[in-house]
Amino acid sequence: MKLQITLDILELDEAMDYLEQVAPYADIVEVGTPLSLMYGVKAVQKVKEKYPECEKLMGTSTAGIAHAAIAAHILDMPMGYVRGSAKTHGRNNRIEGKLEKGDKVVVIEDLISTGGSSIEVVEALREAGADVLGVISIFTYNTKKADEKFAEANVEKYSLCSVETMIDTAVEEGYIQADEGEGIISWLREI
């Protein structure tokens, strides 16, 4: 039997203190609201800084929706989301939320690996008439393929956290050696 603990503490330091106490006894620790709020607020800061003309946020289905919703709420801005494909029932929508031609939107994505799903969302929004200002992701692997796809689609991307940051932390904490981290980054540059 496995013990799962869900942390739903709004103060990150308090959540981390609690986690340190229970981690030896838990098999799974789920972090929900604090992490989403933390990254949602960072996404808000980046939207304001990089795209002050933004009128609407569009999340990627499904993991980007929560981050887009939090950021949109804080910014008092409309939001919607884009599915991977159109529904097969109801209105058969691929894009949920009000979107008008010429709307200036920023896409909120959870993770960019090869960039494929992000670019599909950008293309769907452009086909619907949106002016896509850029994509903000929570995390990126910074792969060569993603860089190429974003350049080819002529869309800017910005990520709040990258694999380089994660590897630097792993090296600092002693989880991996520096040369192992360099190997991982070199490998990702080939993808």
C-alpha atoms as a PDB file:
ATOM      1  CA  MET A   1       0.000   0.000   0.000  1.00  0.00           C
ATOM      2  CA  LYS A   2       1.247   3.487  -0.839  1.00  0.00           C
ATOM      3  CA  LEU A   3       0.652   6.652   1.143  1.00  0.00           C
ATOM      4  CA  GLN A   4      -0.217   9.737  -0.885  1.00  0.00           C
ATOM      5  CA  ILE A   5      -0.285  13.190   0.677  1.00  0.00           C
ATOM      6  CA  THR A   6      -1.791  16.190  -1.053  1.00  0.00           C
ATOM      7  CA  LEU A   7      -0.398  19.582  -0.090  1.00  0.00           C
ATOM      8  CA  ASP A   8      -2.894  22.390  -0.517  1.00  0.00           C
ATOM      9  CA  ILE A   9      -1.136  25.065   1.523  1.00  0.00           C
ATOM     10  CA  LEU A  10      -1.096  28.559   0.051  1.00  0.00           C
ATOM     11  CA  GLU A  11       2.206  29.650   1.619  1.00  0.00           C
ATOM     12  CA  LEU A  12       5.086  27.955  -0.213  1.00  0.00           C
ATOM     13  CA  ASP A  13       7.555  28.094   2.721  1.00  0.00           C
ATOM     14  CA  GLU A  14       4.938  26.537   4.997  1.00  0.00           C
ATOM     15  CA  ALA A  15       4.274  23.815   2.405  1.00  0.00           C
ATOM     16  CA  MET A  16       8.004  23.060   2.125  1.00  0.00           C
ATOM     17  CA  ASP A  17       8.366  22.841   5.936  1.00  0.00           C
ATOM     18  CA  TYR A  18       5.459  20.414   6.071  1.00  0.00           C
ATOM     19  CA  LEU A  19       6.869  18.409   3.155  1.00  0.00           C
ATOM     20  CA  GLU A  20      10.207  17.971   4.938  1.00  0.00           C
ATOM     21  CA  GLN A  21       8.375  16.537   7.949  1.00  0.00           C
ATOM     22  CA  VAL A  22       6.203  14.055   6.047  1.00  0.00           C
ATOM     23  CA  ALA A  23       8.459  13.112   3.109  1.00  0.00           C
ATOM     24  CA  PRO A  24      10.092  10.145   4.875  1.00  0.00           C
ATOM     25  CA  TYR A  25       6.658   8.579   5.424  1.00  0.00           C
ATOM     26  CA  ALA A  26       4.966   9.345   2.085  1.00  0.00           C
ATOM     27  CA  ASP A  27       5.341   7.498  -1.211  1.00  0.00           C
ATOM     28  CA  ILE A  28       3.651  10.221  -3.268  1.00  0.00           C
ATOM     29  CA  VAL A  29       3.383  13.924  -2.537  1.00  0.00           C
ATOM     30  CA  GLU A  30       1.001  15.887  -4.724  1.00  0.00           C
ATOM     31  CA  VAL A  31       1.495  19.634  -4.857  1.00  0.00           C
ATOM     32  CA  GLY A  32      -1.482  21.501  -6.243  1.00  0.00           C
ATOM     33  CA  THR A  33      -2.553  25.023  -5.454  1.00  0.00           C
ATOM     34  CA  PRO A  34       0.739  26.483  -4.145  1.00  0.00           C
ATOM     35  CA  LEU A  35       2.736  25.474  -7.197  1.00  0.00           C
ATOM     36  CA  SER A  36       0.002  26.498  -9.620  1.00  0.00           C
ATOM     37  CA  LEU A  37      -0.369  29.850  -7.897  1.00  0.00           C
ATOM     38  CA  MET A  38       3.372  30.406  -7.840  1.00  0.00           C
ATOM     39  CA  TYR A  39       3.789  29.722 -11.546  1.00  0.00           C
ATOM     40  CA  GLY A  40       0.491  31.381 -12.401  1.00  0.00           C
ATOM     41  CA  VAL A  41       1.751  34.593 -10.782  1.00  0.00           C
ATOM     42  CA  LYS A  42       5.082  34.298 -12.612  1.00  0.00           C
ATOM     43  CA  ALA A  43       3.168  33.867 -15.856  1.00  0.00           C
ATOM     44  CA  VAL A  44       1.220  37.048 -15.037  1.00  0.00           C
ATOM     45  CA  GLN A  45       4.439  38.958 -14.502  1.00  0.00           C
ATOM     46  CA  LYS A  46       5.804  37.757 -17.847  1.00  0.00           C
ATOM     47  CA  VAL A  47       2.590  38.551 -19.735  1.00  0.00           C
ATOM     48  CA  LYS A  48       2.632  42.099 -18.359  1.00  0.00           C
ATOM     49  CA  GLU A  49       6.354  42.544 -19.030  1.00  0.00           C
ATOM     50  CA  LYS A  50       6.692  40.955 -22.458  1.00  0.00           C
ATOM     51  CA  TYR A  51       3.218  41.464 -23.948  1.00  0.00           C
ATOM     52  CA  PRO A  52       1.574  44.597 -22.520  1.00  0.00           C
ATOM     53  CA  GLU A  53      -0.785  44.728 -25.532  1.00  0.00           C
ATOM     54  CA  CYS A  54      -2.209  41.259 -24.746  1.00  0.00           C
ATOM     55  CA  GLU A  55      -6.021  41.155 -24.655  1.00  0.00           C
ATOM     56  CA  LYS A  56      -6.660  37.473 -23.976  1.00  0.00           C
ATOM     57  CA  LEU A  57      -4.901  34.358 -22.693  1.00  0.00           C
ATOM     58  CA  MET A  58      -5.350  30.976 -24.331  1.00  0.00           C
ATOM     59  CA  GLY A  59      -4.315  27.824 -22.491  1.00  0.00           C
ATOM     60  CA  THR A  60      -3.173  24.633 -24.115  1.00  0.00           C
ATOM     61  CA  SER A  61      -5.308  21.603 -23.411  1.00  0.00           C
ATOM     62  CA  THR A  62      -5.213  20.271 -20.787  1.00  0.00           C
ATOM     63  CA  ALA A  63      -2.256  21.068 -18.569  1.00  0.00           C
ATOM     64  CA  GLY A  64      -1.930  24.706 -19.664  1.00  0.00           C
ATOM     65  CA  ILE A  65      -5.550  25.513 -18.800  1.00  0.00           C
ATOM     66  CA  ALA A  66      -5.047  25.892 -15.038  1.00  0.00           C
ATOM     67  CA  HIS A  67      -2.052  28.202 -15.434  1.00  0.00           C
ATOM     68  CA  ALA A  68      -3.894  30.299 -18.035  1.00  0.00           C
ATOM     69  CA  ALA A  69      -6.968  30.493 -15.789  1.00  0.00           C
ATOM     70  CA  ILE A  70      -4.957  31.676 -12.774  1.00  0.00           C
ATOM     71  CA  ALA A  71      -3.050  34.255 -14.825  1.00  0.00           C
ATOM     72  CA  ALA A  72      -6.236  35.482 -16.529  1.00  0.00           C
ATOM     73  CA  HIS A  73      -7.999  35.827 -13.180  1.00  0.00           C
ATOM     74  CA  ILE A  74      -5.162  37.876 -11.709  1.00  0.00           C
ATOM     75  CA  LEU A  75      -4.944  40.043 -14.846  1.00  0.00           C
ATOM     76  CA  ASP A  76      -8.750  40.365 -15.027  1.00  0.00           C
ATOM     77  CA  MET A  77      -8.463  39.221 -18.625  1.00  0.00           C
ATOM     78  CA  PRO A  78     -10.584  36.819 -20.667  1.00  0.00           C
ATOM     79  CA  MET A  79      -9.196  33.363 -21.332  1.00  0.00           C
ATOM     80  CA  GLY A  80      -9.996  30.296 -23.295  1.00  0.00           C
ATOM     81  CA  TYR A  81      -8.213  27.171 -24.378  1.00  0.00           C
ATOM     82  CA  VAL A  82      -7.425  25.171 -27.471  1.00  0.00           C
ATOM     83  CA  ARG A  83      -8.014  21.430 -27.703  1.00  0.00           C
ATOM     84  CA  GLY A  84      -5.713  19.069 -29.587  1.00  0.00           C
ATOM     85  CA  SER A  85      -8.617  18.443 -31.968  1.00  0.00           C
ATOM     86  CA  ALA A  86     -12.226  19.536 -32.362  1.00  0.00           C
ATOM     87  CA  LYS A  87     -14.877  17.905 -30.183  1.00  0.00           C
ATOM     88  CA  THR A  88     -16.958  15.265 -31.933  1.00  0.00           C
ATOM     89  CA  HIS A  89     -20.187  16.390 -30.269  1.00  0.00           C
ATOM     90  CA  GLY A  90     -22.006  19.605 -29.426  1.00  0.00           C
ATOM     91  CA  ARG A  91     -20.604  22.536 -31.388  1.00  0.00           C
ATOM     92  CA  ASN A  92     -17.511  20.564 -32.470  1.00  0.00           C
ATOM     93  CA  ASN A  93     -15.300  23.341 -31.106  1.00  0.00           C
ATOM     94  CA  ARG A  94     -11.555  23.130 -30.997  1.00  0.00           C
ATOM     95  CA  ILE A  95     -11.261  26.578 -29.423  1.00  0.00           C
ATOM     96  CA  GLU A  96     -13.239  27.228 -26.249  1.00  0.00           C
ATOM     97  CA  GLY A  97     -13.860  30.777 -25.090  1.00  0.00           C
ATOM     98  CA  LYS A  98     -14.771  33.891 -27.015  1.00  0.00           C
ATOM     99  CA  LEU A  99     -12.218  34.672 -29.707  1.00  0.00           C
ATOM    100  CA  GLU A 100     -12.673  37.396 -32.296  1.00  0.00           C
ATOM    101  CA  LYS A 101     -10.588  38.146 -35.362  1.00  0.00           C
ATOM    102  CA  GLY A 102      -7.693  40.410 -34.468  1.00  0.00           C
ATOM    103  CA  ASP A 103      -7.674  39.540 -30.749  1.00  0.00           C
ATOM    104  CA  LYS A 104      -4.137  39.846 -29.393  1.00  0.00           C
ATOM    105  CA  VAL A 105      -3.489  36.636 -27.479  1.00  0.00           C
ATOM    106  CA  VAL A 106      -0.708  34.971 -25.521  1.00  0.00           C
ATOM    107  CA  VAL A 107      -0.672  31.187 -25.291  1.00  0.00           C
ATOM    108  CA  ILE A 108       0.055  29.670 -21.879  1.00  0.00           C
ATOM    109  CA  GLU A 109       1.683  26.229 -22.143  1.00  0.00           C
ATOM    110  CA  ASP A 110       2.815  23.909 -19.375  1.00  0.00           C
ATOM    111  CA  LEU A 111       5.756  22.249 -21.144  1.00  0.00           C
ATOM    112  CA  ILE A 112       7.656  22.733 -24.398  1.00  0.00           C
ATOM    113  CA  SER A 113       9.607  19.674 -25.501  1.00  0.00           C
ATOM    114  CA  THR A 114       9.708  19.564 -29.311  1.00  0.00           C
ATOM    115  CA  GLY A 115       7.270  22.461 -29.747  1.00  0.00           C
ATOM    116  CA  GLY A 116       4.813  20.480 -31.857  1.00  0.00           C
ATOM    117  CA  SER A 117       1.693  20.872 -29.728  1.00  0.00           C
ATOM    118  CA  SER A 118       2.432  24.541 -28.990  1.00  0.00           C
ATOM    119  CA  ILE A 119       2.749  25.344 -32.679  1.00  0.00           C
ATOM    120  CA  GLU A 120      -0.486  23.446 -33.448  1.00  0.00           C
ATOM    121  CA  VAL A 121      -2.265  25.705 -30.941  1.00  0.00           C
ATOM    122  CA  VAL A 122      -0.680  28.827 -32.452  1.00  0.00           C
ATOM    123  CA  GLU A 123      -1.754  27.729 -35.943  1.00  0.00           C
ATOM    124  CA  ALA A 124      -5.328  26.986 -34.800  1.00  0.00           C
ATOM    125  CA  LEU A 125      -5.570  30.435 -33.217  1.00  0.00           C
ATOM    126  CA  ARG A 126      -4.146  32.137 -36.303  1.00  0.00           C
ATOM    127  CA  GLU A 127      -6.596  30.253 -38.541  1.00  0.00           C
ATOM    128  CA  ALA A 128      -9.380  31.612 -36.318  1.00  0.00           C
ATOM    129  CA  GLY A 129      -8.040  35.151 -36.870  1.00  0.00           C
ATOM    130  CA  ALA A 130      -6.125  35.731 -33.633  1.00  0.00           C
ATOM    131  CA  ASP A 131      -2.922  37.746 -33.503  1.00  0.00           C
ATOM    132  CA  VAL A 132      -0.687  35.430 -31.455  1.00  0.00           C
ATOM    133  CA  LEU A 133       1.888  37.572 -29.653  1.00  0.00           C
ATOM    134  CA  GLY A 134       3.837  34.677 -28.154  1.00  0.00           C
ATOM    135  CA  VAL A 135       3.869  31.528 -26.048  1.00  0.00           C
ATOM    136  CA  ILE A 136       4.783  31.452 -22.359  1.00  0.00           C
ATOM    137  CA  SER A 137       5.520  28.030 -20.904  1.00  0.00           C
ATOM    138  CA  ILE A 138       6.138  26.896 -17.368  1.00  0.00           C
ATOM    139  CA  PHE A 139       9.029  24.632 -18.419  1.00  0.00           C
ATOM    140  CA  THR A 140      11.113  23.926 -21.522  1.00  0.00           C
ATOM    141  CA  TYR A 141      13.673  21.333 -22.524  1.00  0.00           C
ATOM    142  CA  ASN A 142      15.179  23.871 -24.962  1.00  0.00           C
ATOM    143  CA  THR A 143      15.458  21.333 -27.760  1.00  0.00           C
ATOM    144  CA  LYS A 144      16.814  22.229 -31.176  1.00  0.00           C
ATOM    145  CA  LYS A 145      13.586  20.986 -32.761  1.00  0.00           C
ATOM    146  CA  ALA A 146      11.466  23.351 -30.637  1.00  0.00           C
ATOM    147  CA  ASP A 147      13.685  26.307 -31.533  1.00  0.00           C
ATOM    148  CA  GLU A 148      13.361  25.444 -35.228  1.00  0.00           C
ATOM    149  CA  LYS A 149       9.571  25.009 -35.066  1.00  0.00           C
ATOM    150  CA  PHE A 150       9.040  28.302 -33.241  1.00  0.00           C
ATOM    151  CA  ALA A 151      11.323  30.129 -35.697  1.00  0.00           C
ATOM    152  CA  GLU A 152       9.567  28.549 -38.675  1.00  0.00           C
ATOM    153  CA  ALA A 153       6.171  29.557 -37.269  1.00  0.00           C
ATOM    154  CA  ASN A 154       7.495  33.055 -36.535  1.00  0.00           C
ATOM    155  CA  VAL A 155       6.312  33.031 -32.934  1.00  0.00           C
ATOM    156  CA  GLU A 156       8.231  34.084 -29.838  1.00  0.00           C
ATOM    157  CA  LYS A 157       8.506  31.761 -26.833  1.00  0.00           C
ATOM    158  CA  TYR A 158       9.460  32.408 -23.254  1.00  0.00           C
ATOM    159  CA  SER A 159       9.731  29.849 -20.447  1.00  0.00           C
ATOM    160  CA  LEU A 160       9.672  30.413 -16.709  1.00  0.00           C
ATOM    161  CA  CYS A 161      11.972  27.473 -16.012  1.00  0.00           C
ATOM    162  CA  SER A 162      14.336  25.486 -18.213  1.00  0.00           C
ATOM    163  CA  VAL A 163      16.145  22.177 -18.207  1.00  0.00           C
ATOM    164  CA  GLU A 164      19.385  24.117 -17.683  1.00  0.00           C
ATOM    165  CA  THR A 165      18.049  25.529 -14.405  1.00  0.00           C
ATOM    166  CA  MET A 166      16.918  22.084 -13.335  1.00  0.00           C
ATOM    167  CA  ILE A 167      20.308  20.555 -14.171  1.00  0.00           C
ATOM    168  CA  ASP A 168      22.210  23.356 -12.413  1.00  0.00           C
ATOM    169  CA  THR A 169      20.145  22.658  -9.295  1.00  0.00           C
ATOM    170  CA  ALA A 170      20.692  18.893  -9.608  1.00  0.00           C
ATOM    171  CA  VAL A 171      24.466  19.471  -9.822  1.00  0.00           C
ATOM    172  CA  GLU A 172      24.409  21.900  -6.864  1.00  0.00           C
ATOM    173  CA  GLU A 173      22.427  19.426  -4.754  1.00  0.00           C
ATOM    174  CA  GLY A 174      24.733  16.536  -5.708  1.00  0.00           C
ATOM    175  CA  TYR A 175      22.161  14.450  -7.580  1.00  0.00           C
ATOM    176  CA  ILE A 176      24.303  14.384 -10.732  1.00  0.00           C
ATOM    177  CA  GLN A 177      27.846  15.359 -11.741  1.00  0.00           C
ATOM    178  CA  ALA A 178      28.480  18.450 -13.893  1.00  0.00           C
ATOM    179  CA  ASP A 179      29.639  16.345 -16.856  1.00  0.00           C
ATOM    180  CA  GLU A 180      26.405  14.322 -16.699  1.00  0.00           C
ATOM    181  CA  GLY A 181      24.417  17.549 -16.843  1.00  0.00           C
ATOM    182  CA  GLU A 182      26.452  18.762 -19.811  1.00  0.00           C
ATOM    183  CA  GLY A 183      25.788  15.434 -21.534  1.00  0.00           C
ATOM    184  CA  ILE A 184      22.040  15.780 -21.019  1.00  0.00           C
ATOM    185  CA  ILE A 185      22.035  19.313 -22.432  1.00  0.00           C
ATOM    186  CA  SER A 186      24.156  18.250 -25.429  1.00  0.00           C
ATOM    187  CA  TRP A 187      21.774  15.382 -26.097  1.00  0.00           C
ATOM    188  CA  LEU A 188      18.748  17.711 -25.932  1.00  0.00           C
ATOM    189  CA  ARG A 189      20.405  20.073 -28.440  1.00  0.00           C
ATOM    190  CA  GLU A 190      20.475  17.169 -30.904  1.00  0.00           C
ATOM    191  CA  ILE A 191      16.728  16.503 -30.627  1.00  0.00           C
END
